[in-house]
Protein backbone atom coordinates (compact mmCIF):
# COMPACT_ATOMS: atom_id res chain seq x y z
CA MET A 1 0.00 0.00 0.00
CA ASP A 2 2.88 2.39 0.77
CA GLU A 3 4.36 1.57 -2.64
CA GLU A 4 1.02 2.40 -4.32
CA ARG A 5 0.85 5.76 -2.52
CA ASP A 6 4.43 6.56 -3.63
CA LEU A 7 3.49 5.79 -7.25
CA GLU A 8 0.43 8.06 -7.03
CA ARG A 9 2.46 10.90 -5.53
CA ASN A 10 4.84 10.62 -8.48
CA GLY A 11 2.04 10.95 -11.02
CA PHE A 12 1.22 7.30 -11.64
CA HIS A 13 -2.47 6.44 -11.25
CA MET A 14 -3.45 3.11 -9.77
CA ASP A 15 -6.40 1.32 -11.33
CA ILE A 16 -9.47 1.61 -9.13
CA LYS A 17 -12.50 -0.49 -8.36
CA ILE A 18 -15.99 0.94 -7.86
CA SER A 19 -18.78 -1.12 -6.34
CA VAL A 20 -22.50 -0.40 -6.28
CA ILE A 21 -24.58 -1.91 -3.49
CA GLY A 22 -28.10 -2.02 -4.92
CA GLY A 23 -26.99 -2.59 -8.51
CA GLY A 24 -30.25 -4.32 -9.39
CA GLY A 25 -32.25 -1.14 -8.88
CA TYR A 26 -34.49 0.45 -11.48
CA ARG A 27 -32.07 3.35 -12.03
CA SER A 28 -28.94 1.21 -12.35
CA MET A 29 -28.44 1.95 -16.03
CA PHE A 30 -27.96 5.64 -15.23
CA LEU A 31 -25.14 4.70 -12.89
CA ALA A 32 -23.58 2.31 -15.39
CA ARG A 33 -23.58 4.92 -18.16
CA SER A 34 -21.97 7.55 -15.92
CA LEU A 35 -19.29 5.19 -14.63
CA ALA A 36 -18.46 3.68 -18.02
CA GLN A 37 -18.16 7.06 -19.74
CA GLN A 38 -15.60 8.17 -17.15
CA ALA A 39 -13.84 4.83 -16.70
CA ALA A 40 -10.86 5.47 -18.97
CA ALA A 41 -10.28 9.04 -17.79
CA LEU A 42 -10.49 8.09 -14.11
CA HIS A 43 -8.58 4.78 -14.34
CA ILE A 44 -11.63 2.74 -13.34
CA LYS A 45 -10.59 -0.82 -14.07
CA GLU A 46 -13.41 -2.73 -12.40
CA ILE A 47 -17.08 -2.02 -11.74
CA VAL A 48 -19.16 -4.38 -9.61
CA PHE A 49 -22.93 -4.20 -9.26
CA MET A 50 -24.20 -6.17 -6.26
CA ASP A 51 -27.80 -6.83 -5.24
CA ASN A 52 -29.43 -9.38 -2.93
CA ASP A 53 -32.39 -9.65 -5.35
CA GLU A 54 -31.01 -12.03 -7.97
CA LYS A 55 -33.99 -11.65 -10.31
CA LYS A 56 -33.67 -7.87 -10.52
CA LEU A 57 -29.89 -8.11 -10.74
CA ASN A 58 -30.23 -10.43 -13.75
CA ILE A 59 -32.51 -7.89 -15.44
CA PHE A 60 -31.53 -4.36 -14.47
CA GLY A 61 -27.97 -5.29 -13.54
CA ALA A 62 -27.58 -7.17 -16.82
CA MET A 63 -28.97 -4.19 -18.76
CA SER A 64 -26.51 -1.97 -16.92
CA LYS A 65 -23.64 -4.26 -17.83
CA HIS A 66 -24.74 -4.22 -21.46
CA VAL A 67 -24.80 -0.40 -21.44
CA ALA A 68 -21.33 -0.23 -19.89
CA GLN A 69 -19.88 -2.62 -22.45
CA LEU A 70 -21.38 -0.62 -25.32
CA ILE A 71 -19.56 2.45 -24.00
CA ASP A 72 -16.26 0.91 -22.91
CA PRO A 73 -15.75 -2.79 -23.72
CA GLY A 74 -12.43 -2.71 -21.87
CA VAL A 75 -13.85 -2.08 -18.41
CA LYS A 76 -14.36 -5.18 -16.28
CA PHE A 77 -18.03 -5.25 -15.21
CA LEU A 78 -19.23 -7.89 -12.75
CA LEU A 79 -22.63 -8.77 -11.30
CA THR A 80 -22.88 -10.55 -7.95
CA THR A 81 -25.17 -11.28 -5.02
CA ASP A 82 -22.15 -11.63 -2.71
CA PRO A 83 -21.43 -8.39 -0.82
CA VAL A 84 -17.94 -9.51 0.20
CA GLU A 85 -16.99 -10.16 -3.40
CA ALA A 86 -18.44 -6.77 -4.31
CA VAL A 87 -16.51 -4.68 -1.78
CA ARG A 88 -13.26 -6.63 -1.60
CA ASN A 89 -10.44 -4.22 -2.48
CA ALA A 90 -12.95 -1.55 -3.50
CA ASP A 91 -11.70 2.02 -3.67
CA TYR A 92 -15.18 3.54 -3.79
CA VAL A 93 -18.64 2.19 -2.98
CA ILE A 94 -22.02 3.68 -3.90
CA THR A 95 -24.96 2.49 -1.79
CA THR A 96 -28.49 2.77 -3.15
CA ILE A 97 -30.73 0.22 -1.46
CA ARG A 98 -34.43 -0.06 -0.65
CA VAL A 99 -35.02 -2.36 2.30
CA GLY A 100 -38.57 -3.66 2.12
CA GLU A 101 -38.91 -2.70 -1.54
CA ASP A 102 -41.84 -0.69 -2.87
CA GLU A 103 -44.44 -2.35 -0.65
CA LYS A 104 -42.88 -1.01 2.54
CA ARG A 105 -42.67 2.45 1.04
CA VAL A 106 -46.40 2.29 0.42
CA ASP A 107 -46.98 1.16 4.02
CA ASP A 108 -44.81 4.01 5.35
CA GLU A 109 -46.74 6.60 3.39
CA ARG A 110 -50.19 5.22 4.14
CA ILE A 111 -49.55 5.01 7.90
CA ALA A 112 -48.68 8.70 7.97
CA LEU A 113 -51.55 9.73 5.72
CA GLY A 114 -53.90 7.79 7.98
CA HIS A 115 -53.13 10.50 10.56
CA HIS A 116 -53.38 13.28 7.94
CA VAL A 117 -49.59 13.66 8.10
CA LEU A 118 -47.40 13.91 5.02
CA GLY A 119 -46.03 10.48 4.14
CA GLN A 120 -43.24 11.52 1.79
CA GLU A 121 -40.33 9.08 2.11
CA THR A 122 -37.64 11.61 2.93
CA THR A 123 -39.17 14.84 4.21
CA GLY A 124 -42.30 13.32 5.68
CA ALA A 125 -42.83 11.08 8.71
CA ALA A 126 -42.40 8.08 6.44
CA GLY A 127 -38.72 8.99 6.15
CA PHE A 128 -38.14 7.92 9.73
CA SER A 129 -39.66 4.51 9.10
CA PHE A 130 -37.54 4.09 5.97
CA ALA A 131 -34.43 5.01 7.97
CA MET A 132 -35.32 2.43 10.63
CA ARG A 133 -34.93 -0.25 7.96
CA SER A 134 -32.13 1.33 5.93
CA VAL A 135 -29.56 2.09 8.61
CA PRO A 136 -29.10 -1.44 10.02
CA ALA A 137 -28.61 -2.82 6.52
CA LEU A 138 -26.18 -0.06 5.56
CA ALA A 139 -24.26 -0.45 8.81
CA GLY A 140 -23.81 -4.12 7.94
CA TYR A 141 -22.42 -3.19 4.55
CA CYS A 142 -20.16 -0.55 6.11
CA GLU A 143 -18.68 -3.19 8.39
CA LEU A 144 -17.90 -5.35 5.37
CA ILE A 145 -16.46 -2.35 3.52
CA ARG A 146 -14.29 -1.46 6.51
CA ARG A 147 -13.04 -5.05 6.68
CA TYR A 148 -12.61 -5.90 2.98
CA GLY A 149 -12.33 -2.58 1.13
CA LYS A 150 -9.15 -0.60 0.57
CA PRO A 151 -7.84 1.18 3.70
CA GLU A 152 -8.84 4.57 2.29
CA VAL A 153 -12.15 3.43 0.81
CA LYS A 154 -14.92 6.03 0.52
CA VAL A 155 -18.66 5.35 0.53
CA PHE A 156 -21.17 7.56 -1.24
CA ASN A 157 -24.64 6.92 0.15
CA PHE A 158 -27.65 7.65 -2.02
CA THR A 159 -30.09 5.61 0.08
CA ASN A 160 -32.98 7.69 1.38
CA PRO A 161 -33.60 9.49 3.60
CA ALA A 162 -30.04 10.61 2.90
CA GLY A 163 -30.00 13.21 5.70
CA VAL A 164 -30.99 10.89 8.54
CA VAL A 165 -29.01 7.99 7.09
CA SER A 166 -25.83 10.05 6.65
CA GLN A 167 -26.11 11.50 10.17
CA THR A 168 -26.67 8.09 11.75
CA LEU A 169 -23.83 6.38 9.88
CA ARG A 170 -21.45 9.16 10.91
CA ASP A 171 -22.67 8.92 14.51
CA MET A 172 -21.93 5.18 14.36
CA GLY A 173 -18.32 5.93 13.46
CA TYR A 174 -18.42 5.35 9.71
CA ASP A 175 -16.51 8.52 8.91
CA PHE A 176 -15.62 7.28 5.43
CA THR A 177 -19.21 7.88 4.28
CA PHE A 178 -20.68 10.85 2.41
CA GLY A 179 -24.30 11.53 1.59
CA ILE A 180 -25.05 12.40 -2.03
CA CYS A 181 -28.15 13.66 -3.81
CA ASP A 182 -28.82 14.63 -7.42
CA ALA A 183 -31.50 17.25 -6.65
CA PRO A 184 -29.12 20.24 -6.24
CA THR A 185 -27.03 19.42 -9.32
CA GLY A 186 -30.18 18.60 -11.29
CA LEU A 187 -31.58 22.05 -10.57
CA LEU A 188 -28.33 23.73 -11.63
CA GLN A 189 -28.31 21.69 -14.84
CA SER A 190 -31.84 22.86 -15.61
CA PHE A 191 -30.61 26.46 -15.36
CA ALA A 192 -27.73 25.60 -17.68
CA ARG A 193 -30.16 24.26 -20.28
CA LEU A 194 -32.41 27.29 -19.90
CA TYR A 195 -29.54 29.73 -20.47
CA GLN A 196 -27.77 27.46 -22.97
CA ILE A 197 -24.43 27.37 -21.20
CA PRO A 198 -22.32 24.37 -20.17
CA ALA A 199 -23.28 23.05 -16.73
CA GLU A 200 -19.65 23.07 -15.63
CA GLU A 201 -19.65 26.88 -15.97
CA ILE A 202 -22.22 27.22 -13.17
CA THR A 203 -21.09 27.42 -9.56
CA ALA A 204 -23.34 27.69 -6.54
CA GLY A 205 -23.44 28.40 -2.85
CA CYS A 206 -25.80 25.88 -1.28
CA TYR A 207 -26.55 25.27 2.41
CA GLY A 208 -29.05 23.38 4.55
CA LEU A 209 -29.93 19.72 4.92
CA ASN A 210 -30.67 16.99 2.43
CA HIS A 211 -33.95 17.83 0.65
CA LEU A 212 -33.99 21.04 2.71
CA SER A 213 -31.37 23.20 1.04
CA PHE A 214 -31.20 26.80 -0.14
CA PHE A 215 -29.07 28.40 -2.87
CA HIS A 216 -27.79 31.78 -1.68
CA SER A 217 -25.50 32.24 -4.66
CA ILE A 218 -25.57 31.01 -8.26
CA GLN A 219 -22.87 32.19 -10.64
CA PHE A 220 -22.60 31.82 -14.40
CA ARG A 221 -18.95 32.03 -15.48
CA GLY A 222 -18.18 33.91 -12.25
CA LYS A 223 -21.06 36.40 -12.60
CA GLU A 224 -23.66 36.40 -9.80
CA MET A 225 -27.06 35.46 -11.24
CA LEU A 226 -29.23 34.84 -8.18
CA GLU A 227 -31.46 37.89 -8.52
CA THR A 228 -31.69 37.46 -12.29
CA LEU A 229 -32.85 33.88 -11.86
CA ILE A 230 -35.40 34.77 -9.18
CA GLU A 231 -36.92 37.38 -11.51
CA ASP A 232 -36.87 35.12 -14.59
CA ASP A 233 -40.44 33.91 -15.18
CA ARG A 234 -39.15 30.91 -17.12
CA ILE A 235 -37.68 29.14 -14.10
CA TYR A 236 -41.20 28.89 -12.62
CA THR A 237 -42.38 26.90 -15.65
CA GLU A 238 -39.26 25.21 -17.05
CA THR A 239 -37.42 24.05 -13.90
CA ASP A 240 -38.27 22.56 -10.50
CA MET A 241 -38.77 26.08 -9.20
CA LYS A 242 -42.25 25.61 -10.71
CA TYR A 243 -43.39 24.35 -7.31
CA PHE A 244 -42.89 27.84 -5.83
CA THR A 245 -43.96 31.39 -6.56
CA LYS A 246 -41.69 34.25 -7.49
CA GLU A 247 -42.94 36.10 -4.41
CA LEU A 248 -41.77 33.30 -2.11
CA ALA A 249 -38.34 33.17 -3.74
CA ARG A 250 -38.03 36.94 -3.38
CA ASP A 251 -39.01 36.78 0.29
CA MET A 252 -36.48 34.03 0.97
CA GLY A 253 -33.82 35.67 -1.16
CA CYS A 254 -32.87 32.16 -2.33
CA ILE A 255 -33.42 29.54 -4.96
CA LEU A 256 -35.18 26.62 -3.27
CA ASN A 257 -34.67 22.85 -3.32
CA GLU A 258 -37.80 21.29 -4.81
CA TYR A 259 -38.50 19.28 -1.63
CA LEU A 260 -39.05 22.49 0.31
CA TYR A 261 -42.48 22.43 -1.34
CA TYR A 262 -43.57 19.97 1.37
CA PHE A 263 -42.62 22.42 4.13
CA PHE A 264 -43.97 25.60 2.56
CA TYR A 265 -47.19 23.98 1.30
CA ARG A 266 -47.71 21.13 3.76
CA ASP A 267 -51.52 21.18 3.91
CA GLN A 268 -51.83 21.59 0.17
CA ALA A 269 -49.52 18.61 -0.42
CA VAL A 270 -51.48 16.32 1.92
CA GLU A 271 -54.82 17.36 0.44
CA ASN A 272 -53.56 16.88 -3.10
CA ILE A 273 -52.33 13.36 -2.33
CA LEU A 274 -55.58 12.39 -0.62
CA ARG A 275 -57.57 13.84 -3.52
CA ALA A 276 -55.47 11.95 -6.05
CA GLY A 277 -56.15 8.74 -4.14
CA GLU A 278 -52.69 7.43 -4.91
CA THR A 279 -49.35 8.03 -3.22
CA ARG A 280 -45.99 8.40 -4.95
CA GLY A 281 -45.01 5.01 -3.58
CA GLU A 282 -48.09 3.40 -5.14
CA VAL A 283 -47.35 5.01 -8.50
CA ILE A 284 -43.79 3.69 -8.46
CA ARG A 285 -44.84 0.24 -7.19
CA ASP A 286 -47.34 -0.20 -10.00
CA VAL A 287 -45.01 1.11 -12.71
CA ASN A 288 -42.19 -1.14 -11.48
CA ARG A 289 -44.47 -4.19 -11.37
CA HIS A 290 -45.55 -3.72 -14.98
CA MET A 291 -42.01 -2.97 -16.15
CA LEU A 292 -40.56 -6.00 -14.40
CA ALA A 293 -43.29 -8.30 -15.69
CA GLU A 294 -42.56 -7.28 -19.29
CA LEU A 295 -38.79 -7.46 -18.92
CA GLU A 296 -38.93 -10.93 -17.37
CA ARG A 297 -40.23 -12.24 -20.70
CA LEU A 298 -37.26 -10.86 -22.64
CA ASP A 299 -33.61 -11.92 -22.99
CA VAL A 300 -31.38 -8.99 -22.09
CA GLU A 301 -28.45 -10.09 -24.26
CA LYS A 302 -30.43 -11.14 -27.32
CA GLU A 303 -33.22 -8.56 -27.09
CA PHE A 304 -31.55 -5.56 -25.49
CA ASP A 305 -33.23 -3.05 -27.82
CA ARG A 306 -36.67 -4.37 -26.85
CA CYS A 307 -35.67 -4.31 -23.17
CA LEU A 308 -34.54 -0.71 -23.54
CA GLU A 309 -37.77 0.29 -25.29
CA THR A 310 -39.79 -1.30 -22.50
CA TYR A 311 -37.69 0.41 -19.84
CA VAL A 312 -37.96 3.86 -21.46
CA ARG A 313 -41.74 3.54 -21.87
CA TRP A 314 -42.41 2.60 -18.25
CA HIS A 315 -39.76 4.85 -16.72
CA GLY A 316 -41.23 7.68 -18.77
CA ILE A 317 -44.57 7.16 -17.02
CA ARG A 318 -42.78 7.21 -13.66
CA SER A 319 -40.88 10.38 -14.57
CA ASP A 320 -44.02 12.14 -15.81
CA MET A 321 -45.69 11.50 -12.45
CA TYR A 322 -42.86 12.98 -10.36
CA MET A 323 -44.50 15.16 -7.68
CA LYS A 324 -47.65 15.38 -9.83
CA ASN A 325 -50.05 14.03 -7.22
CA GLU A 326 -48.55 16.25 -4.53
CA THR A 327 -48.42 19.48 -6.55
CA GLY A 328 -50.76 19.09 -9.50
CA LYS A 329 -47.88 20.04 -11.82
CA VAL A 330 -46.15 17.83 -14.38
CA ARG A 331 -42.69 17.74 -15.90
CA LYS A 332 -42.70 18.88 -19.52
CA LYS A 333 -39.47 17.25 -20.66
CA PRO A 334 -40.13 13.74 -22.06
CA PHE A 335 -38.00 10.94 -20.64
CA THR A 336 -35.39 9.37 -22.88
CA PHE A 337 -32.40 7.09 -22.32
CA ASP A 338 -29.71 6.78 -24.95
CA PRO A 339 -26.84 4.58 -23.68
CA LEU A 340 -24.34 6.50 -25.83
CA GLU A 341 -25.57 10.02 -25.05
CA LYS A 342 -23.17 12.17 -23.04
CA ASP A 343 -24.21 11.69 -19.43
CA SER A 344 -25.22 14.67 -17.30
CA GLY A 345 -23.96 12.92 -14.17
CA GLY A 346 -26.86 12.57 -11.77
CA TYR A 347 -25.86 11.22 -8.40
CA ALA A 348 -23.05 9.18 -9.97
CA GLY A 349 -21.70 12.49 -11.21
CA VAL A 350 -21.32 13.70 -7.64
CA ALA A 351 -19.19 10.68 -6.76
CA LEU A 352 -17.22 10.96 -9.99
CA SER A 353 -16.41 14.63 -9.35
CA TYR A 354 -14.88 13.63 -6.03
CA ILE A 355 -12.89 10.82 -7.66
CA ARG A 356 -11.69 13.17 -10.41
CA SER A 357 -10.44 15.64 -7.83
CA VAL A 358 -8.47 12.90 -6.08
CA GLN A 359 -7.12 11.45 -9.33
CA GLU A 360 -6.07 14.77 -10.83
CA LYS A 361 -4.97 16.26 -7.50
CA LYS A 362 -7.02 19.37 -8.24
CA PRO A 363 -9.54 21.08 -5.96
CA VAL A 364 -13.17 20.92 -7.05
CA ASP A 365 -16.37 22.46 -5.73
CA MET A 366 -19.40 20.23 -5.21
CA ILE A 367 -22.47 19.76 -3.01
CA LEU A 368 -22.27 16.93 -0.46
CA CYS A 369 -23.77 15.83 2.85
CA VAL A 370 -20.87 16.21 5.29
CA PRO A 371 -20.26 17.28 8.91
CA ASN A 372 -20.90 20.99 9.38
CA GLN A 373 -17.58 21.92 11.02
CA GLY A 374 -18.73 25.46 11.74
CA ALA A 375 -19.88 26.23 8.20
CA ILE A 376 -23.52 26.99 9.06
CA PRO A 377 -23.72 29.14 12.21
CA GLY A 378 -26.01 27.80 14.92
CA LEU A 379 -25.45 24.13 14.10
CA ARG A 380 -23.05 21.71 15.78
CA ASP A 381 -19.77 20.76 14.17
CA GLU A 382 -20.83 17.12 13.93
CA ASP A 383 -24.22 17.87 12.37
CA VAL A 384 -24.37 16.44 8.85
CA VAL A 385 -25.49 19.18 6.45
CA GLU A 386 -25.96 19.45 2.70
CA ILE A 387 -23.62 22.18 1.60
CA SER A 388 -21.22 23.44 -1.05
CA CYS A 389 -17.79 21.96 -0.36
CA ARG A 390 -14.28 22.35 -1.67
CA ILE A 391 -12.67 18.96 -2.20
CA GLN A 392 -8.95 19.31 -1.48
CA ASP A 393 -6.65 16.26 -1.34
CA GLY A 394 -9.68 14.05 -0.79
CA VAL A 395 -10.96 16.13 2.14
CA ALA A 396 -14.39 17.77 1.92
CA ILE A 397 -14.22 21.31 3.33
CA PRO A 398 -17.70 22.84 3.77
CA GLN A 399 -17.88 26.47 2.66
CA ARG A 400 -18.88 28.87 5.43
CA VAL A 401 -22.25 30.62 5.14
CA VAL A 402 -22.06 34.21 6.41
CA ASP A 403 -25.75 35.13 6.58
CA PRO A 404 -28.08 32.15 6.14
CA GLY A 405 -31.23 34.12 6.95
CA ASP A 406 -33.64 33.83 9.87
CA ILE A 407 -36.46 31.86 8.22
CA PRO A 408 -34.27 29.27 6.47
CA MET A 409 -32.32 28.77 9.70
CA GLU A 410 -35.49 28.23 11.76
CA ILE A 411 -36.53 25.41 9.41
CA ILE A 412 -33.01 23.97 9.25
CA ARG A 413 -32.55 23.96 13.04
CA ARG A 414 -35.90 22.29 13.64
CA VAL A 415 -35.34 19.53 11.09
CA LYS A 416 -31.76 19.04 12.28
CA SER A 417 -33.11 18.45 15.79
CA TYR A 418 -35.39 15.81 14.31
CA GLU A 419 -32.43 14.18 12.55
CA ARG A 420 -30.32 14.14 15.73
CA TYR A 421 -33.05 12.38 17.71
CA ALA A 422 -33.77 10.07 14.78
CA SER A 423 -30.12 9.03 14.80
CA LYS A 424 -30.22 8.41 18.56
CA ALA A 425 -33.46 6.43 18.28
CA ILE A 426 -32.16 4.19 15.49
CA ARG A 427 -28.74 3.62 17.06
CA GLU A 428 -30.15 2.86 20.52
CA LYS A 429 -33.48 1.34 19.37
CA ASP A 430 -35.17 3.77 21.71
CA LYS A 431 -38.93 4.38 21.34
CA LYS A 432 -38.82 7.50 23.51
CA ALA A 433 -36.17 9.10 21.32
CA ALA A 434 -38.21 8.07 18.27
CA ALA A 435 -41.29 9.86 19.63
CA GLN A 436 -39.13 12.88 20.45
CA CYS A 437 -37.74 13.02 16.93
CA LEU A 438 -41.17 12.89 15.28
CA PHE A 439 -42.57 15.39 17.79
CA LEU A 440 -39.83 17.82 16.72
CA HIS A 441 -40.49 17.18 13.03
CA PRO A 442 -42.33 20.29 11.77
CA LEU A 443 -44.63 18.16 9.62
CA VAL A 444 -45.80 16.15 12.67
CA ASN A 445 -45.48 18.59 15.58
CA SER A 446 -47.64 16.63 18.07
CA TRP A 447 -46.43 14.48 20.96
CA GLY A 448 -49.47 12.20 21.01
CA LEU A 449 -49.39 11.74 17.24
CA ALA A 450 -45.65 11.07 17.33
CA GLN A 451 -46.15 8.27 19.88
CA GLU A 452 -48.86 6.68 17.74
CA LEU A 453 -46.73 6.83 14.61
CA VAL A 454 -43.75 5.26 16.38
CA GLU A 455 -45.83 2.31 17.60
CA GLU A 456 -47.30 1.77 14.14
CA TYR A 457 -43.94 2.00 12.39
CA ILE A 458 -42.30 -0.44 14.82
CA GLN A 459 -45.13 -2.89 14.22
CA SER A 460 -44.99 -2.37 10.45
CA ASN A 461 -41.21 -2.96 10.39
CA LYS A 462 -41.14 -5.93 12.76
CA ASP A 463 -39.71 -8.21 10.05
CA TYR A 464 -36.80 -5.84 9.45
CA ILE A 465 -35.87 -4.49 12.89
CA GLU A 466 -35.53 -5.98 16.35
CA GLY A 467 -34.70 -5.01 19.92
CA TRP A 468 -36.69 -1.75 20.15
CA ASN A 469 -37.66 -0.76 23.70
């Protein structure tokens, strides 16, 4: 290992291995395309997609492998159900798992809605239930990664709710983990398309928590554009700022993460979902069922084009319904997937930007979920926040926010309190801490209701968790 470090210091790049835990997921092809397109430039020699669902791995994992080989036939691409094989000697690991699959997401949402509480899987009460299942599984993988991965291995977690999950994993001592999300970069890319400039020429100052972040600065080629964007009517029809009004953006003095819709329009969101009669989880469950049923009848290797057509058709329906039931608004851009099209990055792009910085020994700015370390005033150093960072020699340095604003900070502090207690509850399997965390959650805000939700979520998750007291 010392010899490898000496070679790297002298300009020689060692081949690296990237593993994906959850490689049989419905979005795996996006990951495969991103990784394969950057494989040669970033010295990625081996990519491993692991999933404990062999059927899905043999469909979506196999499609991902096919995509990667179309792009770069030289990269070694493996599929496995063995987590040890997946993470052995890995340099980087991306985790994107869904414990309990779509059915448990539906249960999480419906339990909350039964109390007229938002059931969204990250910002709503359902996020806590999802974290109850996600963290133990991820902690198990982190132990394997610590034991079998490279000594300096890094983990990029995309499993929701990324805020609670990232905080809890860090509190458990897994300091090699980062939380990643494609919502902030996706919004910036939509501005790039609107103004017809390369996305890499946009820089941003972002602060807050996962799915609760605010942009206090957006620059095009070094020129501040925040006020121009806020006043541009097009962003309220052509980007995910369509969930907000210009007046709200002016009042906040910020561009808003799309998930803030659930906090600013809580009652409207709940009423819209109840009126629609169908939750986001139910939409995704049904789309995935139909997609999987069709793909099971096809041979990925011999009929890849038909598989891809099926995938695009069903995923297009899923994409069209994004936040539709909650907001009444639809995305206008039709969904497409061309394996050879230049990839915009998504959440794989966040991980790849970090890797590129390490490989090229150049600082890079990016948005990550990392410990605060004094960047946002009023929060603890160990609080995991979603914030603009400078990556320097592999270290993520959060950029200090001088004046975050009173209203954003009130929301951030309250939700961070929820995340702290959620971490304590999950780590210690403590029902009292669980009730405290949901009581503090601004979308619950009732002690009696919090206690009821905790009891129902523990009962609902009994096949996935144990030892709660």
